[in-house]
Each structure stands twice: as structure tokens, then as C-alpha cells.
């Protein structure tokens, strides 16, 4: 069974938990920091709200029924969709999308390889 890590993400008062392969968690953390660093440079009127990467965990057991763990690839897919919908004119948004899509492709490959090992 693959080793997973869990990220805690916070947006306002909302907490989200994302499960990622341990080999890719650092990329999620770095991507989140980079996106936050660049958000203020965007001039579009509709910039998506981005949660802060608060912590990562080796193990996670959620006991409150209002919380659940998001699949890492699903989280990255939603992130890519929200950033690809930005109508940016001034800032080279393509560089941010490239970083998001690079992690997206790596995760897709990782999950495909995991599925093949199970067969």
C-alpha cells in the first residue's frame, strides 16, 4: 500500500484535508506558496480564493462528521479549473497554470501506476 500524507488547508473559517502521495506532498506545499505569492499580481476581477497550506501529517483520523479527506488529484483538478477560468490580461498566468498542470500530470501518472500494480 502506498504511503500517503495529508495536508490541512484553511480558507477563512473552513478547513480542508487533502490526501497526497508522500512523494508529492512537498510539491503541493510549494505550489500553494507560489500561488499565494503571485495572487496579488493578478489583475483579473475574478481571482479564485486560495486556501493556506497550514500543516501536513503522516497520519490523519477525522472524528468529526462534517470533515472528510479530499483525494489529491481531485483537489488539483479543481485548482486547475479555477485558475484556467481566470481572464487575466496583464500577468503571465500561463506560468502558474504550467506549475499546476505539471503536478496534475505527475499525480495522474502516479495513480495510474498504483492501479497497474494492484492488477
PDB file of N, CA and C in Angstrom:
ATOM      1  N   UNK A   1       0.846  -1.183   0.000  1.00  0.00           N
ATOM      2  CA  UNK A   1       0.000   0.000   0.000  1.00  0.00           C
ATOM      3  C   UNK A   1       0.891   1.246   0.000  1.00  0.00           C
ATOM      4  N   UNK A   2       0.554   2.229  -0.827  1.00  0.00           N
ATOM      5  CA  UNK A   2       1.391   3.424  -0.925  1.00  0.00           C
ATOM      6  C   UNK A   2       1.323   4.273   0.336  1.00  0.00           C
ATOM      7  N   UNK A   3       2.410   4.962   0.593  1.00  0.00           N
ATOM      8  CA  UNK A   3       2.452   5.849   1.748  1.00  0.00           C
ATOM      9  C   UNK A   3       1.858   7.198   1.368  1.00  0.00           C
ATOM     10  N   UNK A   4       0.893   7.623   2.142  1.00  0.00           N
ATOM     11  CA  UNK A   4       0.209   8.882   1.876  1.00  0.00           C
ATOM     12  C   UNK A   4       0.507   9.874   2.996  1.00  0.00           C
ATOM     13  N   UNK A   5       0.350  11.145   2.651  1.00  0.00           N
ATOM     14  CA  UNK A   5       0.406  12.225   3.628  1.00  0.00           C
ATOM     15  C   UNK A   5      -0.872  13.038   3.473  1.00  0.00           C
ATOM     16  N   UNK A   6      -1.127  13.851   4.466  1.00  0.00           N
ATOM     17  CA  UNK A   6      -2.351  14.637   4.497  1.00  0.00           C
ATOM     18  C   UNK A   6      -2.002  16.099   4.740  1.00  0.00           C
ATOM     19  N   UNK A   7      -2.654  16.969   4.009  1.00  0.00           N
ATOM     20  CA  UNK A   7      -2.453  18.404   4.163  1.00  0.00           C
ATOM     21  C   UNK A   7      -3.694  19.016   4.782  1.00  0.00           C
ATOM     22  N   UNK A   8      -3.466  19.971   5.652  1.00  0.00           N
ATOM     23  CA  UNK A   8      -4.543  20.767   6.202  1.00  0.00           C
ATOM     24  C   UNK A   8      -4.498  22.118   5.498  1.00  0.00           C
ATOM     25  N   UNK A   9      -5.620  22.487   4.880  1.00  0.00           N
ATOM     26  CA  UNK A   9      -5.732  23.744   4.148  1.00  0.00           C
ATOM     27  C   UNK A   9      -6.833  24.576   4.785  1.00  0.00           C
ATOM     28  N   UNK A  10      -6.590  25.882   4.934  1.00  0.00           N
ATOM     29  CA  UNK A  10      -7.559  26.740   5.598  1.00  0.00           C
ATOM     30  C   UNK A  10      -7.906  27.924   4.717  1.00  0.00           C
ATOM     31  N   UNK A  11      -9.203  28.130   4.533  1.00  0.00           N
ATOM     32  CA  UNK A  11      -9.722  29.290   3.826  1.00  0.00           C
ATOM     33  C   UNK A  11     -10.785  29.916   4.716  1.00  0.00           C
ATOM     34  N   UNK A  12     -10.499  31.101   5.224  1.00  0.00           N
ATOM     35  CA  UNK A  12     -11.373  31.761   6.199  1.00  0.00           C
ATOM     36  C   UNK A  12     -11.566  30.834   7.392  1.00  0.00           C
ATOM     37  N   UNK A  13     -12.795  30.416   7.664  1.00  0.00           N
ATOM     38  CA  UNK A  13     -13.050  29.510   8.784  1.00  0.00           C
ATOM     39  C   UNK A  13     -13.191  28.058   8.344  1.00  0.00           C
ATOM     40  N   UNK A  14     -12.963  27.782   7.086  1.00  0.00           N
ATOM     41  CA  UNK A  14     -13.137  26.432   6.547  1.00  0.00           C
ATOM     42  C   UNK A  14     -11.803  25.684   6.532  1.00  0.00           C
ATOM     43  N   UNK A  15     -11.844  24.464   7.023  1.00  0.00           N
ATOM     44  CA  UNK A  15     -10.682  23.577   6.976  1.00  0.00           C
ATOM     45  C   UNK A  15     -10.936  22.476   5.963  1.00  0.00           C
ATOM     46  N   UNK A  16      -9.930  22.210   5.140  1.00  0.00           N
ATOM     47  CA  UNK A  16      -9.992  21.106   4.189  1.00  0.00           C
ATOM     48  C   UNK A  16      -8.786  20.215   4.426  1.00  0.00           C
ATOM     49  N   UNK A  17      -8.961  18.938   4.132  1.00  0.00           N
ATOM     50  CA  UNK A  17      -7.889  17.971   4.281  1.00  0.00           C
ATOM     51  C   UNK A  17      -7.710  17.262   2.947  1.00  0.00           C
ATOM     52  N   UNK A  18      -6.472  17.226   2.478  1.00  0.00           N
ATOM     53  CA  UNK A  18      -6.173  16.644   1.168  1.00  0.00           C
ATOM     54  C   UNK A  18      -5.174  15.519   1.357  1.00  0.00           C
ATOM     55  N   UNK A  19      -5.468  14.373   0.740  1.00  0.00           N
ATOM     56  CA  UNK A  19      -4.586  13.218   0.779  1.00  0.00           C
ATOM     57  C   UNK A  19      -3.718  13.217  -0.478  1.00  0.00           C
ATOM     58  N   UNK A  20      -2.414  13.108  -0.289  1.00  0.00           N
ATOM     59  CA  UNK A  20      -1.472  13.092  -1.406  1.00  0.00           C
ATOM     60  C   UNK A  20      -0.455  11.976  -1.186  1.00  0.00           C
ATOM     61  N   UNK A  21       0.109  11.455  -2.275  1.00  0.00           N
ATOM     62  CA  UNK A  21       1.238  10.551  -2.098  1.00  0.00           C
ATOM     63  C   UNK A  21       2.348  11.296  -1.354  1.00  0.00           C
ATOM     64  N   UNK A  22       2.991  10.635  -0.430  1.00  0.00           N
ATOM     65  CA  UNK A  22       4.022  11.311   0.365  1.00  0.00           C
ATOM     66  C   UNK A  22       5.129  11.881  -0.519  1.00  0.00           C
ATOM     67  N   UNK A  23       5.359  11.246  -1.660  1.00  0.00           N
ATOM     68  CA  UNK A  23       6.401  11.712  -2.581  1.00  0.00           C
ATOM     69  C   UNK A  23       6.033  13.015  -3.279  1.00  0.00           C
ATOM     70  N   UNK A  24       4.782  13.429  -3.208  1.00  0.00           N
ATOM     71  CA  UNK A  24       4.322  14.624  -3.909  1.00  0.00           C
ATOM     72  C   UNK A  24       3.815  15.735  -2.978  1.00  0.00           C
ATOM     73  N   UNK A  25       3.796  15.469  -1.682  1.00  0.00           N
ATOM     74  CA  UNK A  25       3.255  16.463  -0.755  1.00  0.00           C
ATOM     75  C   UNK A  25       4.061  17.754  -0.779  1.00  0.00           C
ATOM     76  N   UNK A  26       5.371  17.638  -0.854  1.00  0.00           N
ATOM     77  CA  UNK A  26       6.190  18.854  -0.859  1.00  0.00           C
ATOM     78  C   UNK A  26       5.857  19.726  -2.065  1.00  0.00           C
ATOM     79  N   UNK A  27       5.465  19.101  -3.182  1.00  0.00           N
ATOM     80  CA  UNK A  27       5.102  19.870  -4.370  1.00  0.00           C
ATOM     81  C   UNK A  27       3.803  20.640  -4.153  1.00  0.00           C
ATOM     82  N   UNK A  28       2.863  20.027  -3.457  1.00  0.00           N
ATOM     83  CA  UNK A  28       1.616  20.730  -3.137  1.00  0.00           C
ATOM     84  C   UNK A  28       1.912  21.925  -2.240  1.00  0.00           C
ATOM     85  N   UNK A  29       2.758  21.737  -1.244  1.00  0.00           N
ATOM     86  CA  UNK A  29       3.109  22.834  -0.337  1.00  0.00           C
ATOM     87  C   UNK A  29       3.803  23.966  -1.109  1.00  0.00           C
ATOM     88  N   UNK A  30       4.753  23.618  -1.959  1.00  0.00           N
ATOM     89  CA  UNK A  30       5.478  24.632  -2.728  1.00  0.00           C
ATOM     90  C   UNK A  30       4.559  25.345  -3.717  1.00  0.00           C
ATOM     91  N   UNK A  31       3.681  24.590  -4.360  1.00  0.00           N
ATOM     92  CA  UNK A  31       2.734  25.181  -5.303  1.00  0.00           C
ATOM     93  C   UNK A  31       1.811  26.161  -4.589  1.00  0.00           C
ATOM     94  N   UNK A  32       1.314  25.776  -3.426  1.00  0.00           N
ATOM     95  CA  UNK A  32       0.431  26.655  -2.669  1.00  0.00           C
ATOM     96  C   UNK A  32       1.148  27.948  -2.298  1.00  0.00           C
ATOM     97  N   UNK A  33       2.387  27.851  -1.857  1.00  0.00           N
ATOM     98  CA  UNK A  33       3.152  29.052  -1.503  1.00  0.00           C
ATOM     99  C   UNK A  33       3.375  29.936  -2.728  1.00  0.00           C
ATOM    100  N   UNK A  34       3.706  29.330  -3.837  1.00  0.00           N
ATOM    101  CA  UNK A  34       3.959  30.101  -5.064  1.00  0.00           C
ATOM    102  C   UNK A  34       2.684  30.806  -5.529  1.00  0.00           C
ATOM    103  N   UNK A  35       1.565  30.095  -5.509  1.00  0.00           N
ATOM    104  CA  UNK A  35       0.302  30.703  -5.933  1.00  0.00           C
ATOM    105  C   UNK A  35      -0.067  31.877  -5.033  1.00  0.00           C
ATOM    106  N   UNK A  36       0.119  31.717  -3.722  1.00  0.00           N
ATOM    107  CA  UNK A  36      -0.177  32.818  -2.805  1.00  0.00           C
ATOM    108  C   UNK A  36       0.730  34.014  -3.074  1.00  0.00           C
ATOM    109  N   UNK A  37       1.964  33.747  -3.373  1.00  0.00           N
ATOM    110  CA  UNK A  37       2.926  34.817  -3.660  1.00  0.00           C
ATOM    111  C   UNK A  37       2.515  35.609  -4.902  1.00  0.00           C
ATOM    112  N   UNK A  38       1.917  34.932  -5.870  1.00  0.00           N
ATOM    113  CA  UNK A  38       1.584  35.561  -7.146  1.00  0.00           C
ATOM    114  C   UNK A  38       0.151  36.095  -7.223  1.00  0.00           C
ATOM    115  N   UNK A  39      -0.722  35.699  -6.313  1.00  0.00           N
ATOM    116  CA  UNK A  39      -2.139  36.104  -6.378  1.00  0.00           C
ATOM    117  C   UNK A  39      -2.318  37.617  -6.438  1.00  0.00           C
ATOM    118  N   UNK A  40      -1.544  38.332  -5.652  1.00  0.00           N
ATOM    119  CA  UNK A  40      -1.697  39.790  -5.611  1.00  0.00           C
ATOM    120  C   UNK A  40      -1.284  40.460  -6.919  1.00  0.00           C
ATOM    121  N   UNK A  41      -0.539  39.753  -7.735  1.00  0.00           N
ATOM    122  CA  UNK A  41      -0.085  40.320  -9.007  1.00  0.00           C
ATOM    123  C   UNK A  41      -1.132  40.180 -10.116  1.00  0.00           C
ATOM    124  N   UNK A  42      -2.132  39.358  -9.878  1.00  0.00           N
ATOM    125  CA  UNK A  42      -3.166  39.170 -10.891  1.00  0.00           C
ATOM    126  C   UNK A  42      -4.078  40.388 -10.937  1.00  0.00           C
ATOM    127  N   UNK A  43      -4.447  40.792 -12.130  1.00  0.00           N
ATOM    128  CA  UNK A  43      -5.289  41.980 -12.302  1.00  0.00           C
ATOM    129  C   UNK A  43      -6.723  41.623 -12.672  1.00  0.00           C
ATOM    130  N   UNK A  44      -7.003  40.360 -12.879  1.00  0.00           N
ATOM    131  CA  UNK A  44      -8.357  39.936 -13.251  1.00  0.00           C
ATOM    132  C   UNK A  44      -9.325  40.233 -12.114  1.00  0.00           C
ATOM    133  N   UNK A  45     -10.575  40.432 -12.470  1.00  0.00           N
ATOM    134  CA  UNK A  45     -11.584  40.733 -11.451  1.00  0.00           C
ATOM    135  C   UNK A  45     -12.042  39.482 -10.704  1.00  0.00           C
ATOM    136  N   UNK A  46     -11.968  38.346 -11.334  1.00  0.00           N
ATOM    137  CA  UNK A  46     -12.425  37.088 -10.722  1.00  0.00           C
ATOM    138  C   UNK A  46     -11.250  36.169 -10.421  1.00  0.00           C
ATOM    139  N   UNK A  47     -10.550  36.436  -9.331  1.00  0.00           N
ATOM    140  CA  UNK A  47      -9.435  35.595  -8.902  1.00  0.00           C
ATOM    141  C   UNK A  47      -9.965  34.641  -7.833  1.00  0.00           C
ATOM    142  N   UNK A  48      -9.724  33.348  -7.991  1.00  0.00           N
ATOM    143  CA  UNK A  48     -10.262  32.391  -7.016  1.00  0.00           C
ATOM    144  C   UNK A  48      -9.625  32.549  -5.637  1.00  0.00           C
ATOM    145  N   UNK A  49     -10.407  32.270  -4.630  1.00  0.00           N
ATOM    146  CA  UNK A  49      -9.881  32.256  -3.264  1.00  0.00           C
ATOM    147  C   UNK A  49      -9.024  31.003  -3.110  1.00  0.00           C
ATOM    148  N   UNK A  50      -7.887  31.157  -2.504  1.00  0.00           N
ATOM    149  CA  UNK A  50      -6.941  30.050  -2.367  1.00  0.00           C
ATOM    150  C   UNK A  50      -6.679  29.802  -0.889  1.00  0.00           C
ATOM    151  N   UNK A  51      -6.900  28.579  -0.427  1.00  0.00           N
ATOM    152  CA  UNK A  51      -6.642  28.303   0.990  1.00  0.00           C
ATOM    153  C   UNK A  51      -5.148  28.327   1.297  1.00  0.00           C
ATOM    154  N   UNK A  52      -4.836  28.559   2.551  1.00  0.00           N
ATOM    155  CA  UNK A  52      -3.456  28.493   3.019  1.00  0.00           C
ATOM    156  C   UNK A  52      -3.116  27.056   3.382  1.00  0.00           C
ATOM    157  N   UNK A  53      -1.934  26.634   3.029  1.00  0.00           N
ATOM    158  CA  UNK A  53      -1.414  25.325   3.425  1.00  0.00           C
ATOM    159  C   UNK A  53      -0.945  25.490   4.864  1.00  0.00           C
ATOM    160  N   UNK A  54      -1.637  24.852   5.795  1.00  0.00           N
ATOM    161  CA  UNK A  54      -1.370  25.040   7.218  1.00  0.00           C
ATOM    162  C   UNK A  54      -0.395  24.002   7.766  1.00  0.00           C
ATOM    163  N   UNK A  55      -0.607  22.738   7.423  1.00  0.00           N
ATOM    164  CA  UNK A  55       0.217  21.678   8.003  1.00  0.00           C
ATOM    165  C   UNK A  55       0.100  20.421   7.156  1.00  0.00           C
ATOM    166  N   UNK A  56       1.074  19.535   7.359  1.00  0.00           N
ATOM    167  CA  UNK A  56       0.972  18.210   6.751  1.00  0.00           C
ATOM    168  C   UNK A  56       1.162  17.163   7.842  1.00  0.00           C
ATOM    169  N   UNK A  57       0.535  16.012   7.611  1.00  0.00           N
ATOM    170  CA  UNK A  57       0.517  14.952   8.601  1.00  0.00           C
ATOM    171  C   UNK A  57       0.872  13.621   7.964  1.00  0.00           C
ATOM    172  N   UNK A  58       1.522  12.776   8.722  1.00  0.00           N
ATOM    173  CA  UNK A  58       1.797  11.409   8.279  1.00  0.00           C
ATOM    174  C   UNK A  58       0.530  10.560   8.364  1.00  0.00           C
ATOM    175  N   UNK A  59      -0.242  10.794   9.410  1.00  0.00           N
ATOM    176  CA  UNK A  59      -1.486  10.053   9.618  1.00  0.00           C
ATOM    177  C   UNK A  59      -2.581  11.044   9.978  1.00  0.00           C
ATOM    178  N   UNK A  60      -3.787  10.687   9.618  1.00  0.00           N
ATOM    179  CA  UNK A  60      -4.918  11.565   9.911  1.00  0.00           C
ATOM    180  C   UNK A  60      -6.130  10.702  10.186  1.00  0.00           C
ATOM    181  N   UNK A  61      -6.774  10.979  11.295  1.00  0.00           N
ATOM    182  CA  UNK A  61      -8.039  10.326  11.610  1.00  0.00           C
ATOM    183  C   UNK A  61      -9.038  11.416  11.945  1.00  0.00           C
ATOM    184  N   UNK A  62      -9.983  11.622  11.052  1.00  0.00           N
ATOM    185  CA  UNK A  62     -11.016  12.629  11.277  1.00  0.00           C
ATOM    186  C   UNK A  62     -12.136  12.008  12.100  1.00  0.00           C
ATOM    187  N   UNK A  63     -12.521  12.697  13.146  1.00  0.00           N
ATOM    188  CA  UNK A  63     -13.572  12.164  14.009  1.00  0.00           C
ATOM    189  C   UNK A  63     -14.855  12.972  13.936  1.00  0.00           C
ATOM    190  N   UNK A  64     -14.796  14.144  13.353  1.00  0.00           N
ATOM    191  CA  UNK A  64     -15.989  14.973  13.222  1.00  0.00           C
ATOM    192  C   UNK A  64     -16.633  14.689  11.869  1.00  0.00           C
ATOM    193  N   UNK A  65     -17.926  14.394  11.855  1.00  0.00           N
ATOM    194  CA  UNK A  65     -18.584  14.002  10.599  1.00  0.00           C
ATOM    195  C   UNK A  65     -18.670  15.120   9.551  1.00  0.00           C
ATOM    196  N   UNK A  66     -18.438  16.362   9.935  1.00  0.00           N
ATOM    197  CA  UNK A  66     -18.527  17.462   8.977  1.00  0.00           C
ATOM    198  C   UNK A  66     -17.289  17.560   8.087  1.00  0.00           C
ATOM    199  N   UNK A  67     -16.239  16.811   8.430  1.00  0.00           N
ATOM    200  CA  UNK A  67     -14.997  16.878   7.665  1.00  0.00           C
ATOM    201  C   UNK A  67     -14.744  15.573   6.945  1.00  0.00           C
ATOM    202  N   UNK A  68     -14.094  15.690   5.795  1.00  0.00           N
ATOM    203  CA  UNK A  68     -13.694  14.493   5.050  1.00  0.00           C
ATOM    204  C   UNK A  68     -12.358  14.780   4.379  1.00  0.00           C
ATOM    205  N   UNK A  69     -11.770  13.741   3.858  1.00  0.00           N
ATOM    206  CA  UNK A  69     -10.479  13.855   3.184  1.00  0.00           C
ATOM    207  C   UNK A  69     -10.721  13.907   1.682  1.00  0.00           C
ATOM    208  N   UNK A  70     -10.128  14.896   1.027  1.00  0.00           N
ATOM    209  CA  UNK A  70     -10.227  15.027  -0.422  1.00  0.00           C
ATOM    210  C   UNK A  70      -9.095  14.264  -1.088  1.00  0.00           C
ATOM    211  N   UNK A  71      -9.400  13.641  -2.176  1.00  0.00           N
ATOM    212  CA  UNK A  71      -8.397  12.968  -2.995  1.00  0.00           C
ATOM    213  C   UNK A  71      -7.500  14.035  -3.614  1.00  0.00           C
ATOM    214  N   UNK A  72      -6.200  13.835  -3.579  1.00  0.00           N
ATOM    215  CA  UNK A  72      -5.252  14.826  -4.062  1.00  0.00           C
ATOM    216  C   UNK A  72      -5.443  15.230  -5.514  1.00  0.00           C
ATOM    217  N   UNK A  73      -5.697  14.249  -6.379  1.00  0.00           N
ATOM    218  CA  UNK A  73      -5.878  14.563  -7.795  1.00  0.00           C
ATOM    219  C   UNK A  73      -7.156  15.370  -8.008  1.00  0.00           C
ATOM    220  N   UNK A  74      -8.203  15.059  -7.271  1.00  0.00           N
ATOM    221  CA  UNK A  74      -9.441  15.834  -7.382  1.00  0.00           C
ATOM    222  C   UNK A  74      -9.208  17.283  -6.956  1.00  0.00           C
ATOM    223  N   UNK A  75      -8.439  17.475  -5.888  1.00  0.00           N
ATOM    224  CA  UNK A  75      -8.133  18.824  -5.432  1.00  0.00           C
ATOM    225  C   UNK A  75      -7.352  19.594  -6.506  1.00  0.00           C
ATOM    226  N   UNK A  76      -6.341  18.970  -7.080  1.00  0.00           N
ATOM    227  CA  UNK A  76      -5.525  19.624  -8.114  1.00  0.00           C
ATOM    228  C   UNK A  76      -6.362  19.895  -9.362  1.00  0.00           C
ATOM    229  N   UNK A  77      -7.254  18.979  -9.714  1.00  0.00           N
ATOM    230  CA  UNK A  77      -8.127  19.209 -10.878  1.00  0.00           C
ATOM    231  C   UNK A  77      -9.005  20.448 -10.663  1.00  0.00           C
ATOM    232  N   UNK A  78      -9.569  20.588  -9.465  1.00  0.00           N
ATOM    233  CA  UNK A  78     -10.397  21.763  -9.170  1.00  0.00           C
ATOM    234  C   UNK A  78      -9.553  23.042  -9.170  1.00  0.00           C
ATOM    235  N   UNK A  79      -8.344  22.939  -8.650  1.00  0.00           N
ATOM    236  CA  UNK A  79      -7.440  24.085  -8.637  1.00  0.00           C
ATOM    237  C   UNK A  79      -7.116  24.517 -10.068  1.00  0.00           C
ATOM    238  N   UNK A  80      -6.842  23.555 -10.930  1.00  0.00           N
ATOM    239  CA  UNK A  80      -6.538  23.856 -12.332  1.00  0.00           C
ATOM    240  C   UNK A  80      -7.737  24.502 -13.010  1.00  0.00           C
ATOM    241  N   UNK A  81      -8.920  23.984 -12.754  1.00  0.00           N
ATOM    242  CA  UNK A  81     -10.125  24.555 -13.352  1.00  0.00           C
ATOM    243  C   UNK A  81     -10.351  25.993 -12.894  1.00  0.00           C
ATOM    244  N   UNK A  82     -10.146  26.246 -11.617  1.00  0.00           N
ATOM    245  CA  UNK A  82     -10.385  27.601 -11.113  1.00  0.00           C
ATOM    246  C   UNK A  82      -9.368  28.593 -11.668  1.00  0.00           C
ATOM    247  N   UNK A  83      -8.119  28.184 -11.834  1.00  0.00           N
ATOM    248  CA  UNK A  83      -7.119  29.099 -12.370  1.00  0.00           C
ATOM    249  C   UNK A  83      -7.211  29.220 -13.882  1.00  0.00           C
ATOM    250  N   UNK A  84      -7.642  28.181 -14.570  1.00  0.00           N
ATOM    251  CA  UNK A  84      -7.759  28.281 -16.029  1.00  0.00           C
ATOM    252  C   UNK A  84      -8.943  29.153 -16.436  1.00  0.00           C
ATOM    253  N   UNK A  85      -9.870  29.403 -15.514  1.00  0.00           N
ATOM    254  CA  UNK A  85     -11.023  30.237 -15.838  1.00  0.00           C
ATOM    255  C   UNK A  85     -10.754  31.729 -15.627  1.00  0.00           C
ATOM    256  N   UNK A  86      -9.596  32.075 -15.084  1.00  0.00           N
ATOM    257  CA  UNK A  86      -9.261  33.480 -14.850  1.00  0.00           C
ATOM    258  C   UNK A  86      -9.023  34.176 -16.184  1.00  0.00           C
ATOM    259  N   UNK A  87      -9.633  35.320 -16.338  1.00  0.00           N
ATOM    260  CA  UNK A  87      -9.460  36.131 -17.548  1.00  0.00           C
ATOM    261  C   UNK A  87      -8.407  37.201 -17.258  1.00  0.00           C
ATOM    262  N   UNK A  88      -7.149  36.798 -17.300  1.00  0.00           N
ATOM    263  CA  UNK A  88      -6.037  37.680 -16.964  1.00  0.00           C
ATOM    264  C   UNK A  88      -5.454  38.301 -18.221  1.00  0.00           C
ATOM    265  N   UNK A  89      -5.210  39.597 -18.162  1.00  0.00           N
ATOM    266  CA  UNK A  89      -4.661  40.312 -19.311  1.00  0.00           C
ATOM    267  C   UNK A  89      -3.199  40.722 -19.097  1.00  0.00           C
ATOM    268  N   UNK A  90      -2.826  41.062 -17.874  1.00  0.00           N
ATOM    269  CA  UNK A  90      -1.512  41.644 -17.609  1.00  0.00           C
ATOM    270  C   UNK A  90      -0.459  40.625 -17.175  1.00  0.00           C
ATOM    271  N   UNK A  91      -0.805  39.785 -16.241  1.00  0.00           N
ATOM    272  CA  UNK A  91       0.168  38.873 -15.649  1.00  0.00           C
ATOM    273  C   UNK A  91       0.251  37.584 -16.452  1.00  0.00           C
ATOM    274  N   UNK A  92       1.435  37.056 -16.648  1.00  0.00           N
ATOM    275  CA  UNK A  92       1.559  35.783 -17.403  1.00  0.00           C
ATOM    276  C   UNK A  92       1.050  34.587 -16.592  1.00  0.00           C
ATOM    277  N   UNK A  93      -0.237  34.423 -16.605  1.00  0.00           N
ATOM    278  CA  UNK A  93      -0.901  33.361 -15.854  1.00  0.00           C
ATOM    279  C   UNK A  93      -0.461  31.974 -16.315  1.00  0.00           C
ATOM    280  N   UNK A  94       0.018  31.898 -17.529  1.00  0.00           N
ATOM    281  CA  UNK A  94       0.429  30.615 -18.102  1.00  0.00           C
ATOM    282  C   UNK A  94       1.493  29.935 -17.240  1.00  0.00           C
ATOM    283  N   UNK A  95       2.376  30.698 -16.615  1.00  0.00           N
ATOM    284  CA  UNK A  95       3.410  30.085 -15.781  1.00  0.00           C
ATOM    285  C   UNK A  95       2.808  29.405 -14.553  1.00  0.00           C
ATOM    286  N   UNK A  96       1.782  30.015 -13.966  1.00  0.00           N
ATOM    287  CA  UNK A  96       1.120  29.390 -12.814  1.00  0.00           C
ATOM    288  C   UNK A  96       0.356  28.145 -13.243  1.00  0.00           C
ATOM    289  N   UNK A  97      -0.337  28.253 -14.362  1.00  0.00           N
ATOM    290  CA  UNK A  97      -1.069  27.087 -14.872  1.00  0.00           C
ATOM    291  C   UNK A  97      -0.123  25.949 -15.225  1.00  0.00           C
ATOM    292  N   UNK A  98       1.048  26.278 -15.737  1.00  0.00           N
ATOM    293  CA  UNK A  98       2.034  25.251 -16.073  1.00  0.00           C
ATOM    294  C   UNK A  98       2.454  24.489 -14.829  1.00  0.00           C
ATOM    295  N   UNK A  99       2.662  25.199 -13.731  1.00  0.00           N
ATOM    296  CA  UNK A  99       3.048  24.538 -12.479  1.00  0.00           C
ATOM    297  C   UNK A  99       1.918  23.650 -11.953  1.00  0.00           C
ATOM    298  N   UNK A 100       0.702  24.150 -12.013  1.00  0.00           N
ATOM    299  CA  UNK A 100      -0.448  23.358 -11.559  1.00  0.00           C
ATOM    300  C   UNK A 100      -0.583  22.106 -12.424  1.00  0.00           C
ATOM    301  N   UNK A 101      -0.500  22.285 -13.738  1.00  0.00           N
ATOM    302  CA  UNK A 101      -0.673  21.157 -14.657  1.00  0.00           C
ATOM    303  C   UNK A 101       0.466  20.150 -14.575  1.00  0.00           C
ATOM    304  N   UNK A 102       1.661  20.607 -14.226  1.00  0.00           N
ATOM    305  CA  UNK A 102       2.781  19.679 -14.050  1.00  0.00           C
ATOM    306  C   UNK A 102       2.509  18.739 -12.882  1.00  0.00           C
ATOM    307  N   UNK A 103       2.046  19.284 -11.770  1.00  0.00           N
ATOM    308  CA  UNK A 103       1.706  18.436 -10.622  1.00  0.00           C
ATOM    309  C   UNK A 103       0.513  17.551 -10.954  1.00  0.00           C
ATOM    310  N   UNK A 104      -0.428  18.088 -11.683  1.00  0.00           N
ATOM    311  CA  UNK A 104      -1.601  17.318 -12.098  1.00  0.00           C
ATOM    312  C   UNK A 104      -1.167  16.095 -12.924  1.00  0.00           C
ATOM    313  N   UNK A 105      -0.282  16.297 -13.885  1.00  0.00           N
ATOM    314  CA  UNK A 105       0.195  15.187 -14.732  1.00  0.00           C
ATOM    315  C   UNK A 105       0.982  14.170 -13.925  1.00  0.00           C
ATOM    316  N   UNK A 106       1.790  14.640 -12.993  1.00  0.00           N
ATOM    317  CA  UNK A 106       2.558  13.714 -12.157  1.00  0.00           C
ATOM    318  C   UNK A 106       1.629  12.858 -11.298  1.00  0.00           C
ATOM    319  N   UNK A 107       0.601  13.477 -10.754  1.00  0.00           N
ATOM    320  CA  UNK A 107      -0.346  12.720  -9.937  1.00  0.00           C
ATOM    321  C   UNK A 107      -1.135  11.722 -10.776  1.00  0.00           C
ATOM    322  N   UNK A 108      -1.546  12.127 -11.964  1.00  0.00           N
ATOM    323  CA  UNK A 108      -2.255  11.194 -12.844  1.00  0.00           C
ATOM    324  C   UNK A 108      -1.389   9.975 -13.133  1.00  0.00           C
ATOM    325  N   UNK A 109      -0.129  10.209 -13.430  1.00  0.00           N
ATOM    326  CA  UNK A 109       0.786   9.091 -13.703  1.00  0.00           C
ATOM    327  C   UNK A 109       0.974   8.235 -12.460  1.00  0.00           C
ATOM    328  N   UNK A 110       1.125   8.864 -11.311  1.00  0.00           N
ATOM    329  CA  UNK A 110       1.341   8.124 -10.071  1.00  0.00           C
ATOM    330  C   UNK A 110       0.151   7.214  -9.775  1.00  0.00           C
ATOM    331  N   UNK A 111      -1.070   7.744  -9.908  1.00  0.00           N
ATOM    332  CA  UNK A 111      -2.263   6.941  -9.628  1.00  0.00           C
ATOM    333  C   UNK A 111      -2.449   5.830 -10.661  1.00  0.00           C
ATOM    334  N   UNK A 112      -2.102   6.098 -11.909  1.00  0.00           N
ATOM    335  CA  UNK A 112      -2.170   5.052 -12.935  1.00  0.00           C
ATOM    336  C   UNK A 112      -1.216   3.909 -12.611  1.00  0.00           C
ATOM    337  N   UNK A 113      -0.001   4.251 -12.211  1.00  0.00           N
ATOM    338  CA  UNK A 113       0.986   3.221 -11.852  1.00  0.00           C
ATOM    339  C   UNK A 113       0.533   2.424 -10.635  1.00  0.00           C
ATOM    340  N   UNK A 114      -0.094   3.087  -9.683  1.00  0.00           N
ATOM    341  CA  UNK A 114      -0.607   2.393  -8.499  1.00  0.00           C
ATOM    342  C   UNK A 114      -1.710   1.413  -8.889  1.00  0.00           C
ATOM    343  N   UNK A 115      -2.581   1.828  -9.789  1.00  0.00           N
ATOM    344  CA  UNK A 115      -3.652   0.941 -10.245  1.00  0.00           C
ATOM    345  C   UNK A 115      -3.087  -0.278 -10.971  1.00  0.00           C
ATOM    346  N   UNK A 116      -2.065  -0.069 -11.787  1.00  0.00           N
ATOM    347  CA  UNK A 116      -1.438  -1.168 -12.512  1.00  0.00           C
ATOM    348  C   UNK A 116      -0.797  -2.165 -11.572  1.00  0.00           C
ATOM    349  N   UNK A 117      -0.210  -1.693 -10.482  1.00  0.00           N
ATOM    350  CA  UNK A 117       0.405  -2.584  -9.501  1.00  0.00           C
ATOM    351  C   UNK A 117      -0.630  -3.434  -8.784  1.00  0.00           C
ATOM    352  N   UNK A 118      -1.848  -2.939  -8.672  1.00  0.00           N
ATOM    353  CA  UNK A 118      -2.903  -3.678  -7.992  1.00  0.00           C
ATOM    354  C   UNK A 118      -3.490  -4.785  -8.851  1.00  0.00           C
ATOM    355  N   UNK A 119      -3.302  -4.683 -10.170  1.00  0.00           N
ATOM    356  CA  UNK A 119      -3.892  -5.663 -11.078  1.00  0.00           C
ATOM    357  C   UNK A 119      -3.036  -6.897 -11.173  1.00  0.00           C
TER     358      UNK A 119
END
